[in-house]
C-alpha atoms as a PDB file:
ATOM      1  CA  MET A   1      -3.800  -0.570  -3.447  1.00  0.00           C
ATOM      2  CA  ILE A   2      -5.411  -3.782  -4.538  1.00  0.00           C
ATOM      3  CA  SER A   3      -4.329  -3.282  -7.727  1.00  0.00           C
ATOM      4  CA  ASN A   4      -0.755  -2.911  -6.957  1.00  0.00           C
ATOM      5  CA  ALA A   5      -1.279  -5.762  -4.891  1.00  0.00           C
ATOM      6  CA  ILE A   6      -1.871  -7.548  -8.124  1.00  0.00           C
ATOM      7  CA  LYS A   7       0.592  -6.019 -10.194  1.00  0.00           C
ATOM      8  CA  TYR A   8       3.698  -6.340  -7.995  1.00  0.00           C
ATOM      9  CA  SER A   9       2.556 -10.371  -6.625  1.00  0.00           C
ATOM     10  CA  ASN A  10       4.795 -12.928  -8.280  1.00  0.00           C
ATOM     11  CA  PRO A  11       2.978 -15.223 -10.167  1.00  0.00           C
ATOM     12  CA  ASN A  12       0.790 -17.267  -8.004  1.00  0.00           C
ATOM     13  CA  GLY A  13       1.468 -14.986  -5.538  1.00  0.00           C
ATOM     14  CA  GLU A  14      -0.961 -14.612  -2.361  1.00  0.00           C
ATOM     15  CA  ILE A  15      -2.797 -11.333  -1.662  1.00  0.00           C
ATOM     16  CA  ALA A  16      -4.433 -11.038   1.908  1.00  0.00           C
ATOM     17  CA  ILE A  17      -7.444  -8.051   2.495  1.00  0.00           C
ATOM     18  CA  GLU A  18      -8.430  -8.184   5.812  1.00  0.00           C
ATOM     19  CA  LEU A  19     -10.812  -5.686   7.156  1.00  0.00           C
ATOM     20  CA  GLY A  20     -10.963  -5.591  11.405  1.00  0.00           C
ATOM     21  CA  LYS A  21     -12.112  -3.446  14.293  1.00  0.00           C
ATOM     22  CA  THR A  22     -11.296  -2.411  17.782  1.00  0.00           C
ATOM     23  CA  ASN A  23     -12.762  -0.120  19.942  1.00  0.00           C
ATOM     24  CA  ASP A  24     -11.448   3.141  18.546  1.00  0.00           C
ATOM     25  CA  GLU A  25     -11.097   2.300  15.031  1.00  0.00           C
ATOM     26  CA  VAL A  26     -11.534   0.014  11.841  1.00  0.00           C
ATOM     27  CA  ILE A  27      -8.583  -1.318  10.170  1.00  0.00           C
ATOM     28  CA  PHE A  28      -8.268  -2.134   6.552  1.00  0.00           C
ATOM     29  CA  SER A  29      -4.840  -4.228   5.182  1.00  0.00           C
ATOM     30  CA  ILE A  30      -3.978  -5.428   2.343  1.00  0.00           C
ATOM     31  CA  ALA A  31      -0.583  -7.456   1.969  1.00  0.00           C
ATOM     32  CA  ASP A  32       0.980  -9.401  -0.690  1.00  0.00           C
ATOM     33  CA  ASN A  33       4.199 -11.558  -0.998  1.00  0.00           C
ATOM     34  CA  GLY A  34       5.392  -9.973  -3.897  1.00  0.00           C
ATOM     35  CA  VAL A  35       8.538  -7.860  -4.626  1.00  0.00           C
ATOM     36  CA  GLY A  36       8.584  -5.819  -1.797  1.00  0.00           C
ATOM     37  CA  ILE A  37       9.664  -2.047  -1.800  1.00  0.00           C
ATOM     38  CA  ALA A  38      13.665  -1.179  -0.578  1.00  0.00           C
ATOM     39  CA  LYS A  39      13.584   0.235   2.611  1.00  0.00           C
ATOM     40  CA  ASN A  40      15.287   3.206   1.314  1.00  0.00           C
ATOM     41  CA  ASP A  41      12.335   3.874  -0.669  1.00  0.00           C
ATOM     42  CA  LEU A  42       9.584   3.563   1.423  1.00  0.00           C
ATOM     43  CA  ASP A  43       9.789   7.268   2.574  1.00  0.00           C
ATOM     44  CA  LYS A  44       9.000   8.410  -1.155  1.00  0.00           C
ATOM     45  CA  ILE A  45       6.426   5.868  -2.381  1.00  0.00           C
ATOM     46  CA  PHE A  46       3.364   8.531  -1.544  1.00  0.00           C
ATOM     47  CA  ASN A  47       5.429  10.893  -4.065  1.00  0.00           C
ATOM     48  CA  SER A  48       3.571  11.721  -7.638  1.00  0.00           C
ATOM     49  CA  PHE A  49       4.973   9.812 -10.226  1.00  0.00           C
ATOM     50  CA  TYR A  50       7.235   7.603  -8.035  1.00  0.00           C
ATOM     51  CA  ARG A  51       8.010   4.105  -9.110  1.00  0.00           C
ATOM     52  CA  SER A  52      10.178   2.098  -6.911  1.00  0.00           C
ATOM     53  CA  ASP A  53      12.849   0.036  -8.630  1.00  0.00           C
ATOM     54  CA  VAL A  54      11.288   0.473 -11.901  1.00  0.00           C
ATOM     55  CA  SER A  55      14.682  -0.642 -13.868  1.00  0.00           C
ATOM     56  CA  ASN A  56      14.172  -4.295 -12.288  1.00  0.00           C
ATOM     57  CA  HIS A  57      10.596  -4.624 -13.137  1.00  0.00           C
ATOM     58  CA  PRO A  58      10.338  -2.946 -16.723  1.00  0.00           C
ATOM     59  CA  GLU A  59       7.224  -4.965 -17.214  1.00  0.00           C
ATOM     60  CA  ILE A  60       5.140  -3.743 -14.164  1.00  0.00           C
ATOM     61  CA  LYS A  61       3.324  -0.574 -15.989  1.00  0.00           C
ATOM     62  CA  GLY A  62       2.067   2.475 -13.956  1.00  0.00           C
ATOM     63  CA  THR A  63       2.494   6.141 -13.864  1.00  0.00           C
ATOM     64  CA  GLY A  64       3.178   6.665  -9.808  1.00  0.00           C
ATOM     65  CA  LEU A  65       0.215   8.172  -9.167  1.00  0.00           C
ATOM     66  CA  GLY A  66      -1.636   5.642  -7.333  1.00  0.00           C
ATOM     67  CA  LEU A  67      -0.311   5.565  -4.037  1.00  0.00           C
ATOM     68  CA  SER A  68      -0.074   9.477  -3.989  1.00  0.00           C
ATOM     69  CA  ILE A  69      -3.704   9.615  -4.633  1.00  0.00           C
ATOM     70  CA  VAL A  70      -4.129   7.212  -1.540  1.00  0.00           C
ATOM     71  CA  LYS A  71      -2.469   9.332   0.770  1.00  0.00           C
ATOM     72  CA  ARG A  72      -4.118  12.434  -0.556  1.00  0.00           C
ATOM     73  CA  LEU A  73      -7.188  10.841  -0.020  1.00  0.00           C
ATOM     74  CA  CYS A  74      -6.485   9.538   3.836  1.00  0.00           C
ATOM     75  CA  ASP A  75      -5.149  13.644   4.497  1.00  0.00           C
ATOM     76  CA  LEU A  76      -8.205  14.836   3.560  1.00  0.00           C
ATOM     77  CA  LEU A  77     -10.513  12.256   5.614  1.00  0.00           C
ATOM     78  CA  LYS A  78      -7.772  12.253   8.309  1.00  0.00           C
ATOM     79  CA  LEU A  79      -7.338   8.322   7.900  1.00  0.00           C
ATOM     80  CA  GLU A  80      -4.215   6.701   8.849  1.00  0.00           C
ATOM     81  CA  ILE A  81      -1.909   5.047   6.671  1.00  0.00           C
ATOM     82  CA  ALA A  82       0.896   2.789   7.335  1.00  0.00           C
ATOM     83  CA  VAL A  83       3.351   0.557   5.161  1.00  0.00           C
ATOM     84  CA  GLU A  84       5.500  -2.244   5.963  1.00  0.00           C
ATOM     85  CA  SER A  85       7.849  -3.998   3.339  1.00  0.00           C
ATOM     86  CA  ASN A  86      10.774  -6.136   2.722  1.00  0.00           C
ATOM     87  CA  LEU A  87      12.125  -6.618  -0.680  1.00  0.00           C
ATOM     88  CA  ASN A  88      11.181 -10.328  -2.387  1.00  0.00           C
ATOM     89  CA  GLN A  89       9.136 -10.966   0.858  1.00  0.00           C
ATOM     90  CA  GLY A  90       6.119  -8.343   0.005  1.00  0.00           C
ATOM     91  CA  THR A  91       4.349  -5.226   1.241  1.00  0.00           C
ATOM     92  CA  LYS A  92       1.240  -4.415   3.652  1.00  0.00           C
ATOM     93  CA  PHE A  93      -0.722  -0.953   3.465  1.00  0.00           C
ATOM     94  CA  VAL A  94      -3.011  -0.423   6.448  1.00  0.00           C
ATOM     95  CA  LEU A  95      -5.537   1.745   6.609  1.00  0.00           C
ATOM     96  CA  SER A  96      -7.138   3.200  10.277  1.00  0.00           C
ATOM     97  CA  PHE A  97     -10.573   4.844   9.959  1.00  0.00           C
ATOM     98  CA  PRO A  98     -11.263   6.336  13.341  1.00  0.00           C
ATOM     99  CA  LEU A  99     -14.606   5.367  14.773  1.00  0.00           C
ATOM    100  CA  ALA A 100     -15.410   8.763  15.903  1.00  0.00           C
ATOM    101  CA  LYS A 101     -15.564   9.730  12.690  1.00  0.00           C
ATOM    102  CA  LEU A 102     -17.507   6.840  11.241  1.00  0.00           C
ATOM    103  CA  LYS A 103     -20.423   7.810  13.176  1.00  0.00           C
END
């Protein structure tokens, strides 16, 4: 996710990495202000080999496996993953780690 934030950020873009805790969970988020993901692509980004908007960004290299691996690991570890994105505004991924599982 950090690699994607770097790759999909604009030159001199900003990446924010945050770690926080509530009563029930630890929250990890990573956000960038890069190219963003179209709303109609958000439900596909965790599919293996899927790359959103490849034709408009041929300079960004990748296989489309990173997010599918992240999603699979989240499923195996029973973590929640959420994504928010807007084209040309950036993307934010949030991982939620239930505290009961960390003890």
